[in-house]
Amino acid sequence: MNEDQLRALVRDAIAKHLGTDAYAPTAVSAAAASPPARQDVSCAKFVLPDSADGACIIEPAVQCTHCGFCKSYGH
């Protein structure tokens, strides 16, 4: 299974859980399109360089999957 197939699987699972169609275009209102006035600090991402050998920063024995956990506060 490649990354695109995995992403499609995750989208389908989320859509099934929410009771929506994952591939249906959604209308975005002007209020929803504007950025929030203030973002919570727990959602902030750190700027870290990518590992040259592709190893995960948190668990170096495995390949990096680019989940972003190492670039956040872990929330």
N, C-alpha and C. Protein backbone atom coordinates (compact mmCIF):
# COMPACT_ATOMS: atom_id res chain seq x y z
N MET A 1 0.85 -1.17 0.00
CA MET A 1 0.00 0.00 0.00
C MET A 1 0.90 1.24 0.00
N ASN A 2 0.62 2.14 -0.92
CA ASN A 2 1.43 3.36 -0.96
C ASN A 2 0.76 4.48 -0.15
N GLU A 3 1.43 5.62 -0.07
CA GLU A 3 0.95 6.72 0.77
C GLU A 3 -0.39 7.28 0.29
N ASP A 4 -0.59 7.37 -1.03
CA ASP A 4 -1.86 7.89 -1.55
C ASP A 4 -3.03 6.97 -1.20
N GLN A 5 -2.80 5.66 -1.28
CA GLN A 5 -3.85 4.71 -0.92
C GLN A 5 -4.18 4.79 0.57
N LEU A 6 -3.15 4.96 1.38
CA LEU A 6 -3.36 5.10 2.81
C LEU A 6 -4.14 6.37 3.14
N ARG A 7 -3.78 7.46 2.46
CA ARG A 7 -4.52 8.71 2.68
C ARG A 7 -5.99 8.57 2.30
N ALA A 8 -6.25 7.90 1.19
CA ALA A 8 -7.64 7.68 0.76
C ALA A 8 -8.39 6.84 1.78
N LEU A 9 -7.74 5.85 2.33
CA LEU A 9 -8.36 5.00 3.35
C LEU A 9 -8.71 5.81 4.58
N VAL A 10 -7.79 6.68 5.00
CA VAL A 10 -8.03 7.52 6.18
C VAL A 10 -9.16 8.50 5.91
N ARG A 11 -9.16 9.12 4.72
CA ARG A 11 -10.26 10.04 4.37
C ARG A 11 -11.61 9.33 4.41
N ASP A 12 -11.66 8.11 3.87
CA ASP A 12 -12.91 7.34 3.86
C ASP A 12 -13.36 7.00 5.27
N ALA A 13 -12.42 6.62 6.13
CA ALA A 13 -12.76 6.27 7.50
C ALA A 13 -13.29 7.48 8.26
N ILE A 14 -12.67 8.64 8.06
CA ILE A 14 -13.12 9.86 8.73
C ILE A 14 -14.50 10.26 8.22
N ALA A 15 -14.69 10.18 6.91
CA ALA A 15 -15.98 10.54 6.33
C ALA A 15 -17.07 9.60 6.84
N LYS A 16 -16.76 8.32 6.95
CA LYS A 16 -17.74 7.36 7.46
C LYS A 16 -18.08 7.68 8.91
N HIS A 17 -17.07 8.03 9.69
CA HIS A 17 -17.29 8.37 11.10
C HIS A 17 -18.13 9.64 11.24
N LEU A 18 -17.88 10.62 10.38
CA LEU A 18 -18.62 11.88 10.45
C LEU A 18 -19.94 11.84 9.71
N GLY A 19 -20.15 10.79 8.91
CA GLY A 19 -21.38 10.68 8.15
C GLY A 19 -21.42 11.61 6.96
N THR A 20 -20.25 11.92 6.38
CA THR A 20 -20.18 12.81 5.22
C THR A 20 -19.49 12.10 4.07
N ASP A 21 -19.54 12.71 2.91
CA ASP A 21 -18.84 12.20 1.74
C ASP A 21 -17.46 12.83 1.69
N ALA A 22 -16.41 12.01 1.73
CA ALA A 22 -15.03 12.52 1.77
C ALA A 22 -14.64 13.25 0.50
N TYR A 23 -15.31 12.94 -0.61
CA TYR A 23 -14.90 13.52 -1.88
C TYR A 23 -15.84 14.62 -2.36
N ALA A 24 -16.86 14.93 -1.58
CA ALA A 24 -17.78 15.98 -1.97
C ALA A 24 -17.15 17.34 -1.71
N PRO A 25 -17.22 18.24 -2.69
CA PRO A 25 -16.66 19.57 -2.46
C PRO A 25 -17.49 20.30 -1.40
N THR A 26 -16.82 21.06 -0.58
CA THR A 26 -17.52 21.78 0.47
C THR A 26 -17.47 23.27 0.19
N ALA A 27 -18.55 23.93 0.51
CA ALA A 27 -18.61 25.38 0.35
C ALA A 27 -18.01 26.02 1.59
N VAL A 28 -17.11 26.93 1.40
CA VAL A 28 -16.46 27.60 2.52
C VAL A 28 -16.98 29.01 2.61
N SER A 29 -17.52 29.35 3.75
CA SER A 29 -18.03 30.71 3.92
C SER A 29 -16.86 31.66 4.12
N ALA A 30 -17.11 32.93 3.98
CA ALA A 30 -16.06 33.93 4.15
C ALA A 30 -15.52 33.92 5.58
N ALA A 31 -16.40 33.68 6.55
CA ALA A 31 -15.96 33.64 7.95
C ALA A 31 -15.06 32.44 8.20
N ALA A 32 -15.39 31.31 7.60
CA ALA A 32 -14.59 30.10 7.81
C ALA A 32 -13.26 30.19 7.06
N ALA A 33 -13.22 30.95 5.99
CA ALA A 33 -12.01 31.06 5.19
C ALA A 33 -10.98 31.99 5.82
N SER A 34 -11.45 32.91 6.65
CA SER A 34 -10.50 33.84 7.27
C SER A 34 -9.75 33.14 8.40
N PRO A 35 -8.49 33.49 8.59
CA PRO A 35 -7.73 32.85 9.65
C PRO A 35 -8.24 33.25 11.03
N PRO A 36 -8.07 32.37 12.01
CA PRO A 36 -8.54 32.72 13.35
C PRO A 36 -7.76 33.90 13.90
N ALA A 37 -8.38 34.63 14.79
CA ALA A 37 -7.74 35.82 15.34
C ALA A 37 -6.48 35.44 16.11
N ARG A 38 -6.52 34.34 16.83
CA ARG A 38 -5.37 33.91 17.60
C ARG A 38 -5.36 32.38 17.65
N GLN A 39 -4.26 31.79 17.27
CA GLN A 39 -4.15 30.34 17.28
C GLN A 39 -3.58 29.89 18.63
N ASP A 40 -4.11 28.81 19.15
CA ASP A 40 -3.63 28.27 20.41
C ASP A 40 -2.18 27.82 20.25
N VAL A 41 -1.35 28.09 21.25
CA VAL A 41 0.07 27.77 21.18
C VAL A 41 0.31 26.26 21.09
N SER A 42 -0.62 25.45 21.57
CA SER A 42 -0.44 24.01 21.52
C SER A 42 -0.51 23.48 20.09
N CYS A 43 -1.02 24.28 19.16
CA CYS A 43 -1.09 23.88 17.76
C CYS A 43 0.11 24.35 16.95
N ALA A 44 0.98 25.11 17.57
CA ALA A 44 2.14 25.65 16.85
C ALA A 44 3.09 24.53 16.45
N LYS A 45 3.81 24.75 15.36
CA LYS A 45 4.80 23.77 14.87
C LYS A 45 6.18 24.40 14.93
N PHE A 46 7.16 23.62 15.40
CA PHE A 46 8.54 24.05 15.42
C PHE A 46 9.15 23.86 14.04
N VAL A 47 10.16 24.62 13.73
CA VAL A 47 10.88 24.46 12.47
C VAL A 47 12.10 23.58 12.76
N LEU A 48 12.08 22.36 12.24
CA LEU A 48 13.18 21.43 12.42
C LEU A 48 13.66 20.97 11.05
N PRO A 49 14.96 20.78 10.90
CA PRO A 49 15.45 20.27 9.62
C PRO A 49 15.07 18.80 9.46
N ASP A 50 14.86 18.39 8.21
CA ASP A 50 14.59 16.99 7.94
C ASP A 50 15.85 16.17 8.18
N SER A 51 15.66 14.97 8.65
CA SER A 51 16.78 14.08 8.91
C SER A 51 17.40 13.67 7.58
N ALA A 52 18.72 13.74 7.47
CA ALA A 52 19.41 13.41 6.22
C ALA A 52 19.26 11.93 5.87
N ASP A 53 19.22 11.07 6.89
CA ASP A 53 19.11 9.64 6.62
C ASP A 53 17.66 9.14 6.63
N GLY A 54 16.70 10.01 6.87
CA GLY A 54 15.29 9.64 6.85
C GLY A 54 14.79 9.01 8.13
N ALA A 55 15.62 9.04 9.18
CA ALA A 55 15.21 8.44 10.45
C ALA A 55 14.31 9.40 11.23
N CYS A 56 13.42 8.84 12.00
CA CYS A 56 12.53 9.61 12.86
C CYS A 56 13.34 10.24 13.99
N ILE A 57 13.04 11.49 14.31
CA ILE A 57 13.75 12.17 15.38
C ILE A 57 13.35 11.59 16.74
N ILE A 58 12.09 11.24 16.90
CA ILE A 58 11.58 10.72 18.16
C ILE A 58 12.03 9.27 18.37
N GLU A 59 11.96 8.47 17.32
CA GLU A 59 12.32 7.05 17.39
C GLU A 59 13.27 6.73 16.24
N PRO A 60 14.57 6.94 16.41
CA PRO A 60 15.54 6.82 15.33
C PRO A 60 15.64 5.44 14.66
N ALA A 61 15.09 4.42 15.27
CA ALA A 61 15.17 3.07 14.69
C ALA A 61 14.20 2.89 13.52
N VAL A 62 13.25 3.82 13.33
CA VAL A 62 12.27 3.69 12.25
C VAL A 62 12.37 4.87 11.29
N GLN A 63 11.84 4.69 10.10
CA GLN A 63 11.82 5.75 9.08
C GLN A 63 10.83 6.85 9.46
N CYS A 64 11.14 8.06 9.12
CA CYS A 64 10.26 9.20 9.36
C CYS A 64 9.02 9.08 8.46
N THR A 65 7.84 9.25 9.04
CA THR A 65 6.60 9.21 8.26
C THR A 65 6.03 10.61 8.07
N HIS A 66 6.75 11.63 8.53
CA HIS A 66 6.34 13.04 8.41
C HIS A 66 5.01 13.30 9.09
N CYS A 67 4.83 12.69 10.28
CA CYS A 67 3.58 12.88 11.03
C CYS A 67 3.53 14.24 11.71
N GLY A 68 4.70 14.87 11.94
CA GLY A 68 4.74 16.18 12.56
C GLY A 68 4.79 16.18 14.07
N PHE A 69 4.77 15.02 14.70
CA PHE A 69 4.79 14.93 16.16
C PHE A 69 6.03 15.61 16.74
N CYS A 70 7.18 15.43 16.09
CA CYS A 70 8.41 16.01 16.60
C CYS A 70 8.43 17.53 16.46
N LYS A 71 7.58 18.06 15.62
CA LYS A 71 7.53 19.50 15.39
C LYS A 71 6.44 20.20 16.20
N SER A 72 5.80 19.44 17.11
CA SER A 72 4.73 20.01 17.91
C SER A 72 4.98 19.74 19.39
N TYR A 73 4.08 20.21 20.21
CA TYR A 73 4.16 19.93 21.63
C TYR A 73 3.63 18.54 21.95
N GLY A 74 3.30 17.78 20.93
CA GLY A 74 2.82 16.42 21.13
C GLY A 74 1.32 16.31 21.32
N HIS A 75 0.59 17.35 20.93
CA HIS A 75 -0.87 17.32 21.07
C HIS A 75 -1.50 16.96 19.76
